[in-house]
Amino acid sequence: MSIRARACTLVSGSSGNSIFIENADTRILVDAGVSAKMLEMAMNGQGIDPATLSGILVTHEHSDHISGLSVLARRYKLPVFTTQKTFAAAKGRLGFAEKIDVRFIAPDVSFEIGSMAFRPFRTPHDAAESMGFRIDTGYGVISVASDIGTWTETIAESVSGSNLVFIEANYDPDMLWFGPYPWPLKKRIDSEHGHLSNGDCGTAIGRLIHEGSTRFVLIHLSKENNRPDLAYNNIEALLAAEGARSGSDYTMLTAPRYTPSCWQLL
């Protein structure tokens, strides 16, 4: 079967994150947040040869987004696309950083890899220069919006009209505030430069549905402060209250933590 474009998460959550996207001639990862061995196993399980990747995009320098980056990039001689600020902040966490083929990009400046077009956009997170990506595959637009403390107009405008959106639903407020995390960490997660709650994610999805998006994958769920069923049910209920019907107005799934999600085809 010929491939138009498709995408899936390889891993997703506070334990590590990576998204695979391909069209007929270009294959990319967004982030490489677990070991190279785990990423190789996940890709092989999906029938993907890591040696055929066209590059790796990096959203920001936190370990759950770059843990396997250096080994994977050097092993398969893959270009890494990130900003100068992010790479400078990541260098101390990357082995043999000087041997990585880095291609510097900048927020709001479009670039191409193969036949895909990319537009990075700024996201509010406690990192050097955190970004999301709007990706035109030639067969539809896929956006990745993760690690965002608040849904800004910049993000809304960048993601608007996407055919498929990978969007963060990191935490349930009650689980966070009544959970075991120390107070400073709770405040950090709930801040404008922390993460997106289930409710805020649902509000963002509601706006995106009104602007034409119909397919959503919930990503980056906290292991300690969320549950897949809780995130899904809360967001579905919020959307239903706004008149959006699951299965007719939109489709939504929650990405598994340690295994690939089902393919999303464009």
C-alpha atoms as a PDB file:
ATOM      1  CA  MET A   1       0.000   0.000   0.000  1.00  0.00           C
ATOM      2  CA  SER A   2       1.429   3.389  -0.934  1.00  0.00           C
ATOM      3  CA  ILE A   3       1.855   5.832   1.929  1.00  0.00           C
ATOM      4  CA  ARG A   4       0.384   9.313   1.701  1.00  0.00           C
ATOM      5  CA  ALA A   5       1.225  10.501   5.207  1.00  0.00           C
ATOM      6  CA  ARG A   6       0.909   8.951   8.640  1.00  0.00           C
ATOM      7  CA  ALA A   7       2.026   9.514  12.213  1.00  0.00           C
ATOM      8  CA  CYS A   8       2.153   7.832  15.597  1.00  0.00           C
ATOM      9  CA  THR A   9       3.666   8.346  19.009  1.00  0.00           C
ATOM     10  CA  LEU A  10       6.507   5.938  19.808  1.00  0.00           C
ATOM     11  CA  VAL A  11       6.446   6.786  23.533  1.00  0.00           C
ATOM     12  CA  SER A  12       4.519   9.506  25.326  1.00  0.00           C
ATOM     13  CA  GLY A  13       4.375  10.908  28.840  1.00  0.00           C
ATOM     14  CA  SER A  14       6.477  12.261  31.654  1.00  0.00           C
ATOM     15  CA  SER A  15       8.717   9.191  31.217  1.00  0.00           C
ATOM     16  CA  GLY A  16       9.734  10.103  27.655  1.00  0.00           C
ATOM     17  CA  ASN A  17       8.358  11.421  24.379  1.00  0.00           C
ATOM     18  CA  SER A  18       8.847  10.788  20.663  1.00  0.00           C
ATOM     19  CA  ILE A  19       6.540  11.156  17.655  1.00  0.00           C
ATOM     20  CA  PHE A  20       7.142   9.609  14.227  1.00  0.00           C
ATOM     21  CA  ILE A  21       5.778  11.296  11.084  1.00  0.00           C
ATOM     22  CA  GLU A  22       6.254  10.251   7.458  1.00  0.00           C
ATOM     23  CA  ASN A  23       5.060  10.796   3.924  1.00  0.00           C
ATOM     24  CA  ALA A  24       6.137   9.025   0.745  1.00  0.00           C
ATOM     25  CA  ASP A  25       9.772  10.188   0.870  1.00  0.00           C
ATOM     26  CA  THR A  26      10.436  11.841   4.252  1.00  0.00           C
ATOM     27  CA  ARG A  27      10.527  10.381   7.748  1.00  0.00           C
ATOM     28  CA  ILE A  28      11.136  12.421  10.880  1.00  0.00           C
ATOM     29  CA  LEU A  29      11.020  12.147  14.662  1.00  0.00           C
ATOM     30  CA  VAL A  30       9.847  14.924  16.925  1.00  0.00           C
ATOM     31  CA  ASP A  31      11.967  14.418  20.070  1.00  0.00           C
ATOM     32  CA  ALA A  32      13.871  11.352  21.244  1.00  0.00           C
ATOM     33  CA  GLY A  33      13.105  11.223  24.936  1.00  0.00           C
ATOM     34  CA  VAL A  34      13.963   7.623  25.838  1.00  0.00           C
ATOM     35  CA  SER A  35      17.050   5.543  25.124  1.00  0.00           C
ATOM     36  CA  ALA A  36      18.075   4.894  21.539  1.00  0.00           C
ATOM     37  CA  LYS A  37      17.527   1.176  22.183  1.00  0.00           C
ATOM     38  CA  MET A  38      13.922   1.754  23.230  1.00  0.00           C
ATOM     39  CA  LEU A  39      13.297   3.999  20.236  1.00  0.00           C
ATOM     40  CA  GLU A  40      14.817   1.433  17.873  1.00  0.00           C
ATOM     41  CA  MET A  41      12.595  -1.287  19.336  1.00  0.00           C
ATOM     42  CA  ALA A  42       9.508   0.900  18.995  1.00  0.00           C
ATOM     43  CA  MET A  43      10.321   1.787  15.393  1.00  0.00           C
ATOM     44  CA  ASN A  44      11.179  -1.779  14.446  1.00  0.00           C
ATOM     45  CA  GLY A  45       7.857  -2.882  15.942  1.00  0.00           C
ATOM     46  CA  GLN A  46       6.114  -0.442  13.605  1.00  0.00           C
ATOM     47  CA  GLY A  47       8.092  -1.613  10.579  1.00  0.00           C
ATOM     48  CA  ILE A  48      10.317   1.485  10.553  1.00  0.00           C
ATOM     49  CA  ASP A  49      14.032   1.226   9.808  1.00  0.00           C
ATOM     50  CA  PRO A  50      15.756   3.954  11.895  1.00  0.00           C
ATOM     51  CA  ALA A  51      18.398   4.277   9.184  1.00  0.00           C
ATOM     52  CA  THR A  52      15.739   5.688   6.831  1.00  0.00           C
ATOM     53  CA  LEU A  53      14.936   8.677   9.038  1.00  0.00           C
ATOM     54  CA  SER A  54      15.441  12.093   7.458  1.00  0.00           C
ATOM     55  CA  GLY A  55      16.102  13.875  10.743  1.00  0.00           C
ATOM     56  CA  ILE A  56      15.095  14.567  14.339  1.00  0.00           C
ATOM     57  CA  LEU A  57      13.317  17.720  15.524  1.00  0.00           C
ATOM     58  CA  VAL A  58      13.801  18.831  19.136  1.00  0.00           C
ATOM     59  CA  THR A  59      11.134  20.795  20.996  1.00  0.00           C
ATOM     60  CA  HIS A  60      13.325  21.600  24.035  1.00  0.00           C
ATOM     61  CA  GLU A  61      16.185  20.292  26.137  1.00  0.00           C
ATOM     62  CA  HIS A  62      14.461  18.466  29.008  1.00  0.00           C
ATOM     63  CA  SER A  63      15.586  14.872  29.440  1.00  0.00           C
ATOM     64  CA  ASP A  64      12.204  13.329  28.592  1.00  0.00           C
ATOM     65  CA  HIS A  65      12.671  14.807  25.101  1.00  0.00           C
ATOM     66  CA  ILE A  66      16.392  14.248  24.397  1.00  0.00           C
ATOM     67  CA  SER A  67      17.547  11.151  26.341  1.00  0.00           C
ATOM     68  CA  GLY A  68      18.177   9.075  23.225  1.00  0.00           C
ATOM     69  CA  LEU A  69      19.018  11.939  20.894  1.00  0.00           C
ATOM     70  CA  SER A  70      22.807  11.816  20.776  1.00  0.00           C
ATOM     71  CA  VAL A  71      23.146   8.049  20.381  1.00  0.00           C
ATOM     72  CA  LEU A  72      20.385   7.815  17.767  1.00  0.00           C
ATOM     73  CA  ALA A  73      21.647  10.796  15.755  1.00  0.00           C
ATOM     74  CA  ARG A  74      25.261   9.615  15.754  1.00  0.00           C
ATOM     75  CA  ARG A  75      24.479   5.942  15.131  1.00  0.00           C
ATOM     76  CA  TYR A  76      22.428   6.675  12.008  1.00  0.00           C
ATOM     77  CA  LYS A  77      24.126   9.950  10.998  1.00  0.00           C
ATOM     78  CA  LEU A  78      20.858  11.875  11.322  1.00  0.00           C
ATOM     79  CA  PRO A  79      20.633  15.682  11.223  1.00  0.00           C
ATOM     80  CA  VAL A  80      19.147  17.257  14.332  1.00  0.00           C
ATOM     81  CA  PHE A  81      16.987  20.368  13.935  1.00  0.00           C
ATOM     82  CA  THR A  82      16.825  22.664  16.951  1.00  0.00           C
ATOM     83  CA  THR A  83      17.503  26.233  17.998  1.00  0.00           C
ATOM     84  CA  GLN A  84      20.885  27.531  19.114  1.00  0.00           C
ATOM     85  CA  LYS A  85      19.554  28.266  22.600  1.00  0.00           C
ATOM     86  CA  THR A  86      18.075  24.796  22.998  1.00  0.00           C
ATOM     87  CA  PHE A  87      21.237  23.073  21.802  1.00  0.00           C
ATOM     88  CA  ALA A  88      23.400  25.192  24.105  1.00  0.00           C
ATOM     89  CA  ALA A  89      21.179  24.217  27.053  1.00  0.00           C
ATOM     90  CA  ALA A  90      21.177  20.552  26.016  1.00  0.00           C
ATOM     91  CA  LYS A  91      24.904  20.099  25.388  1.00  0.00           C
ATOM     92  CA  GLY A  92      25.728  19.224  28.983  1.00  0.00           C
ATOM     93  CA  ARG A  93      23.145  16.413  28.898  1.00  0.00           C
ATOM     94  CA  LEU A  94      24.246  14.979  25.550  1.00  0.00           C
ATOM     95  CA  GLY A  95      27.218  12.676  25.166  1.00  0.00           C
ATOM     96  CA  PHE A  96      29.567  13.605  22.318  1.00  0.00           C
ATOM     97  CA  ALA A  97      27.451  16.641  21.463  1.00  0.00           C
ATOM     98  CA  GLU A  98      30.202  17.957  19.202  1.00  0.00           C
ATOM     99  CA  LYS A  99      29.729  14.957  16.915  1.00  0.00           C
ATOM    100  CA  ILE A 100      26.025  15.591  16.296  1.00  0.00           C
ATOM    101  CA  ASP A 101      25.044  17.029  12.920  1.00  0.00           C
ATOM    102  CA  VAL A 102      23.061  20.034  14.167  1.00  0.00           C
ATOM    103  CA  ARG A 103      21.005  22.201  11.811  1.00  0.00           C
ATOM    104  CA  PHE A 104      19.937  25.381  13.592  1.00  0.00           C
ATOM    105  CA  ILE A 105      16.396  26.621  13.149  1.00  0.00           C
ATOM    106  CA  ALA A 106      14.499  29.555  14.641  1.00  0.00           C
ATOM    107  CA  PRO A 107      10.961  30.082  15.934  1.00  0.00           C
ATOM    108  CA  ASP A 108       8.539  31.374  13.292  1.00  0.00           C
ATOM    109  CA  VAL A 109      11.027  30.723  10.467  1.00  0.00           C
ATOM    110  CA  SER A 110       9.837  27.986   8.091  1.00  0.00           C
ATOM    111  CA  PHE A 111      12.161  25.303   6.726  1.00  0.00           C
ATOM    112  CA  GLU A 112      11.941  22.075   4.772  1.00  0.00           C
ATOM    113  CA  ILE A 113      13.122  18.505   5.231  1.00  0.00           C
ATOM    114  CA  GLY A 114      12.594  16.488   2.091  1.00  0.00           C
ATOM    115  CA  SER A 115       9.058  17.154   0.894  1.00  0.00           C
ATOM    116  CA  MET A 116       7.734  18.282   4.288  1.00  0.00           C
ATOM    117  CA  ALA A 117       7.476  21.937   5.317  1.00  0.00           C
ATOM    118  CA  PHE A 118       7.904  22.932   8.954  1.00  0.00           C
ATOM    119  CA  ARG A 119       6.987  26.046  10.888  1.00  0.00           C
ATOM    120  CA  PRO A 120       8.239  26.164  14.485  1.00  0.00           C
ATOM    121  CA  PHE A 121       6.271  28.218  16.988  1.00  0.00           C
ATOM    122  CA  ARG A 122       7.101  29.346  20.511  1.00  0.00           C
ATOM    123  CA  THR A 123       5.597  27.571  23.502  1.00  0.00           C
ATOM    124  CA  PRO A 124       5.614  28.854  27.113  1.00  0.00           C
ATOM    125  CA  HIS A 125       7.643  26.316  29.095  1.00  0.00           C
ATOM    126  CA  ASP A 126      10.506  26.548  31.563  1.00  0.00           C
ATOM    127  CA  ALA A 127      13.147  25.741  28.983  1.00  0.00           C
ATOM    128  CA  ALA A 128      15.675  27.761  26.986  1.00  0.00           C
ATOM    129  CA  GLU A 129      13.540  28.167  23.844  1.00  0.00           C
ATOM    130  CA  SER A 130      10.682  25.678  23.825  1.00  0.00           C
ATOM    131  CA  MET A 131       8.848  25.128  20.544  1.00  0.00           C
ATOM    132  CA  GLY A 132       6.040  23.274  18.867  1.00  0.00           C
ATOM    133  CA  PHE A 133       5.809  22.441  15.174  1.00  0.00           C
ATOM    134  CA  ARG A 134       3.269  22.845  12.381  1.00  0.00           C
ATOM    135  CA  ILE A 135       4.147  20.286   9.719  1.00  0.00           C
ATOM    136  CA  ASP A 136       2.743  20.276   6.199  1.00  0.00           C
ATOM    137  CA  THR A 137       3.175  16.741   4.898  1.00  0.00           C
ATOM    138  CA  GLY A 138       1.796  17.527   1.448  1.00  0.00           C
ATOM    139  CA  TYR A 139      -1.274  15.436   2.273  1.00  0.00           C
ATOM    140  CA  GLY A 140      -2.428  17.342   5.333  1.00  0.00           C
ATOM    141  CA  VAL A 141      -1.097  19.343   8.273  1.00  0.00           C
ATOM    142  CA  ILE A 142       0.080  17.779  11.540  1.00  0.00           C
ATOM    143  CA  SER A 143       0.818  19.941  14.574  1.00  0.00           C
ATOM    144  CA  VAL A 144       2.691  19.043  17.757  1.00  0.00           C
ATOM    145  CA  ALA A 145       1.910  21.161  20.825  1.00  0.00           C
ATOM    146  CA  SER A 146       3.405  19.815  24.035  1.00  0.00           C
ATOM    147  CA  ASP A 147       4.986  21.140  27.244  1.00  0.00           C
ATOM    148  CA  ILE A 148       2.967  24.328  27.309  1.00  0.00           C
ATOM    149  CA  GLY A 149       2.004  26.159  30.457  1.00  0.00           C
ATOM    150  CA  THR A 150      -0.796  28.065  28.775  1.00  0.00           C
ATOM    151  CA  TRP A 151      -2.555  28.006  25.401  1.00  0.00           C
ATOM    152  CA  THR A 152      -1.370  31.278  23.877  1.00  0.00           C
ATOM    153  CA  GLU A 153      -2.654  33.089  20.808  1.00  0.00           C
ATOM    154  CA  THR A 154       0.640  32.250  19.100  1.00  0.00           C
ATOM    155  CA  ILE A 155      -0.004  28.542  19.587  1.00  0.00           C
ATOM    156  CA  ALA A 156      -3.682  28.847  18.647  1.00  0.00           C
ATOM    157  CA  GLU A 157      -2.881  30.638  15.399  1.00  0.00           C
ATOM    158  CA  SER A 158      -0.048  28.238  14.560  1.00  0.00           C
ATOM    159  CA  VAL A 159      -2.108  25.085  15.121  1.00  0.00           C
ATOM    160  CA  SER A 160      -5.411  26.359  13.690  1.00  0.00           C
ATOM    161  CA  GLY A 161      -6.737  24.327  10.778  1.00  0.00           C
ATOM    162  CA  SER A 162      -4.447  21.341  11.318  1.00  0.00           C
ATOM    163  CA  ASN A 163      -5.821  17.993  10.189  1.00  0.00           C
ATOM    164  CA  LEU A 164      -4.194  16.153  13.115  1.00  0.00           C
ATOM    165  CA  VAL A 165      -3.037  17.637  16.423  1.00  0.00           C
ATOM    166  CA  PHE A 166      -0.796  15.996  19.022  1.00  0.00           C
ATOM    167  CA  ILE A 167      -1.695  18.025  22.115  1.00  0.00           C
ATOM    168  CA  GLU A 168      -0.596  17.879  25.741  1.00  0.00           C
ATOM    169  CA  ALA A 169      -3.008  16.779  28.470  1.00  0.00           C
ATOM    170  CA  ASN A 170      -0.470  16.581  31.266  1.00  0.00           C
ATOM    171  CA  TYR A 171      -2.303  16.672  34.568  1.00  0.00           C
ATOM    172  CA  ASP A 172      -5.563  16.545  36.475  1.00  0.00           C
ATOM    173  CA  PRO A 173      -5.625  19.463  38.952  1.00  0.00           C
ATOM    174  CA  ASP A 174      -7.041  17.413  41.843  1.00  0.00           C
ATOM    175  CA  MET A 175      -4.450  14.669  41.390  1.00  0.00           C
ATOM    176  CA  LEU A 176      -1.705  17.285  41.249  1.00  0.00           C
ATOM    177  CA  TRP A 177      -2.728  19.386  44.263  1.00  0.00           C
ATOM    178  CA  PHE A 178      -3.643  16.435  46.490  1.00  0.00           C
ATOM    179  CA  GLY A 179      -0.791  14.249  45.297  1.00  0.00           C
ATOM    180  CA  PRO A 180       2.702  13.559  46.678  1.00  0.00           C
ATOM    181  CA  TYR A 181       4.711  16.148  44.749  1.00  0.00           C
ATOM    182  CA  PRO A 182       6.479  18.857  46.788  1.00  0.00           C
ATOM    183  CA  TRP A 183       4.786  22.253  46.753  1.00  0.00           C
ATOM    184  CA  PRO A 184       7.366  24.023  44.528  1.00  0.00           C
ATOM    185  CA  LEU A 185       7.013  21.319  41.861  1.00  0.00           C
ATOM    186  CA  LYS A 186       3.219  21.550  41.981  1.00  0.00           C
ATOM    187  CA  LYS A 187       3.463  25.308  41.480  1.00  0.00           C
ATOM    188  CA  ARG A 188       5.890  24.844  38.591  1.00  0.00           C
ATOM    189  CA  ILE A 189       3.609  22.362  36.781  1.00  0.00           C
ATOM    190  CA  ASP A 190       0.556  24.597  37.233  1.00  0.00           C
ATOM    191  CA  SER A 191       2.374  27.777  36.194  1.00  0.00           C
ATOM    192  CA  GLU A 192       2.151  29.628  32.885  1.00  0.00           C
ATOM    193  CA  HIS A 193       5.482  28.017  31.959  1.00  0.00           C
ATOM    194  CA  GLY A 194       4.631  24.525  33.164  1.00  0.00           C
ATOM    195  CA  HIS A 195       2.197  22.075  31.602  1.00  0.00           C
ATOM    196  CA  LEU A 196      -1.324  21.983  30.197  1.00  0.00           C
ATOM    197  CA  SER A 197      -4.082  20.535  32.401  1.00  0.00           C
ATOM    198  CA  ASN A 198      -6.861  18.293  31.107  1.00  0.00           C
ATOM    199  CA  GLY A 199      -9.343  21.153  31.315  1.00  0.00           C
ATOM    200  CA  ASP A 200      -7.109  23.598  29.475  1.00  0.00           C
ATOM    201  CA  CYS A 201      -6.427  20.960  26.837  1.00  0.00           C
ATOM    202  CA  GLY A 202     -10.170  20.433  26.387  1.00  0.00           C
ATOM    203  CA  THR A 203     -10.751  24.155  26.000  1.00  0.00           C
ATOM    204  CA  ALA A 204      -8.008  24.334  23.361  1.00  0.00           C
ATOM    205  CA  ILE A 205      -9.434  21.346  21.480  1.00  0.00           C
ATOM    206  CA  GLY A 206     -12.896  22.938  21.535  1.00  0.00           C
ATOM    207  CA  ARG A 207     -11.509  26.037  19.848  1.00  0.00           C
ATOM    208  CA  LEU A 208      -9.600  23.949  17.314  1.00  0.00           C
ATOM    209  CA  ILE A 209     -12.732  21.986  16.413  1.00  0.00           C
ATOM    210  CA  HIS A 210     -14.547  25.256  15.671  1.00  0.00           C
ATOM    211  CA  GLU A 211     -11.612  26.189  13.414  1.00  0.00           C
ATOM    212  CA  GLY A 212     -11.778  22.948  11.413  1.00  0.00           C
ATOM    213  CA  SER A 213      -9.525  20.415  13.160  1.00  0.00           C
ATOM    214  CA  THR A 214     -11.102  17.021  13.720  1.00  0.00           C
ATOM    215  CA  ARG A 215      -8.423  14.582  14.942  1.00  0.00           C
ATOM    216  CA  PHE A 216      -6.545  14.752  18.242  1.00  0.00           C
ATOM    217  CA  VAL A 217      -4.017  12.624  20.115  1.00  0.00           C
ATOM    218  CA  LEU A 218      -3.569  13.407  23.821  1.00  0.00           C
ATOM    219  CA  ILE A 219       0.136  13.273  24.688  1.00  0.00           C
ATOM    220  CA  HIS A 220       2.574  13.811  27.558  1.00  0.00           C
ATOM    221  CA  LEU A 221       0.285  12.577  30.344  1.00  0.00           C
ATOM    222  CA  SER A 222       1.888  12.689  33.780  1.00  0.00           C
ATOM    223  CA  LYS A 223       2.421   9.276  35.337  1.00  0.00           C
ATOM    224  CA  GLU A 224       1.709  10.596  38.840  1.00  0.00           C
ATOM    225  CA  ASN A 225      -0.874  13.293  38.182  1.00  0.00           C
ATOM    226  CA  ASN A 226      -3.135  11.898  35.462  1.00  0.00           C
ATOM    227  CA  ARG A 227      -4.711   8.751  34.050  1.00  0.00           C
ATOM    228  CA  PRO A 228      -5.571   8.007  30.413  1.00  0.00           C
ATOM    229  CA  ASP A 229      -9.234   7.343  31.181  1.00  0.00           C
ATOM    230  CA  LEU A 230      -9.510  10.453  33.338  1.00  0.00           C
ATOM    231  CA  ALA A 231      -7.951  12.706  30.702  1.00  0.00           C
ATOM    232  CA  TYR A 232     -10.103  11.292  27.919  1.00  0.00           C
ATOM    233  CA  ASN A 233     -13.386  11.327  29.849  1.00  0.00           C
ATOM    234  CA  ASN A 234     -12.908  14.824  31.269  1.00  0.00           C
ATOM    235  CA  ILE A 235     -12.049  16.297  27.877  1.00  0.00           C
ATOM    236  CA  GLU A 236     -14.871  14.427  26.142  1.00  0.00           C
ATOM    237  CA  ALA A 237     -17.342  15.748  28.724  1.00  0.00           C
ATOM    238  CA  LEU A 238     -16.075  19.302  28.330  1.00  0.00           C
ATOM    239  CA  LEU A 239     -16.432  19.087  24.547  1.00  0.00           C
ATOM    240  CA  ALA A 240     -19.896  17.555  24.828  1.00  0.00           C
ATOM    241  CA  ALA A 241     -20.982  20.494  26.979  1.00  0.00           C
ATOM    242  CA  GLU A 242     -19.931  22.734  24.094  1.00  0.00           C
ATOM    243  CA  GLY A 243     -21.939  20.671  21.603  1.00  0.00           C
ATOM    244  CA  ALA A 244     -19.056  18.731  20.030  1.00  0.00           C
ATOM    245  CA  ARG A 245     -19.858  15.047  19.514  1.00  0.00           C
ATOM    246  CA  SER A 246     -17.160  12.383  19.653  1.00  0.00           C
ATOM    247  CA  GLY A 247     -17.067  10.257  16.516  1.00  0.00           C
ATOM    248  CA  SER A 248     -18.905  12.771  14.351  1.00  0.00           C
ATOM    249  CA  ASP A 249     -17.389  16.189  15.067  1.00  0.00           C
ATOM    250  CA  TYR A 250     -13.991  14.858  16.098  1.00  0.00           C
ATOM    251  CA  THR A 251     -11.977  11.767  17.000  1.00  0.00           C
ATOM    252  CA  MET A 252      -9.601  11.602  19.943  1.00  0.00           C
ATOM    253  CA  LEU A 253      -7.283   9.034  21.498  1.00  0.00           C
ATOM    254  CA  THR A 254      -4.842   8.959  24.375  1.00  0.00           C
ATOM    255  CA  ALA A 255      -1.274   7.998  23.478  1.00  0.00           C
ATOM    256  CA  PRO A 256       0.135   4.973  25.364  1.00  0.00           C
ATOM    257  CA  ARG A 257       3.055   5.667  27.672  1.00  0.00           C
ATOM    258  CA  TYR A 258       5.560   2.987  26.703  1.00  0.00           C
ATOM    259  CA  THR A 259       4.316   1.608  23.383  1.00  0.00           C
ATOM    260  CA  PRO A 260       3.459   3.155  20.003  1.00  0.00           C
ATOM    261  CA  SER A 261      -0.003   4.532  19.400  1.00  0.00           C
ATOM    262  CA  CYS A 262      -2.121   3.355  16.500  1.00  0.00           C
ATOM    263  CA  TRP A 263      -1.326   4.916  13.136  1.00  0.00           C
ATOM    264  CA  GLN A 264      -3.006   8.174  12.219  1.00  0.00           C
ATOM    265  CA  LEU A 265      -3.390   8.269   8.425  1.00  0.00           C
ATOM    266  CA  LEU A 266      -3.774  11.364   6.267  1.00  0.00           C
END
